[in-house]
Amino acid sequence: MKALGPELGNKVNRCTFDAGTITVFAESAAWAARMRFQLAEAEADLRAATPGYRELIVRVRPAKPSR
């Protein structure tokens, strides 16, 4: 979240770390694209701050079905 900053950090729905993979779930495809770009620039910092880090995945949160 620190790597994303306050504007993008507020658009994260969930974040997980499992078996060396950080998965970030974004509100929309547009926000996910911006997050991918920002996190690519911060990848060296992520590696230094997260023991066992191997890869980063940014996904879009599935939309809730309308009723």
Foldseek 3Di string as FASTA:
>chain_A
DVLLPDVLVVQWPDWDADQQEIETEGQDPVSLVVVVVSCVVCVVVCPVVDPRHDYYHYHYDDDDDDD
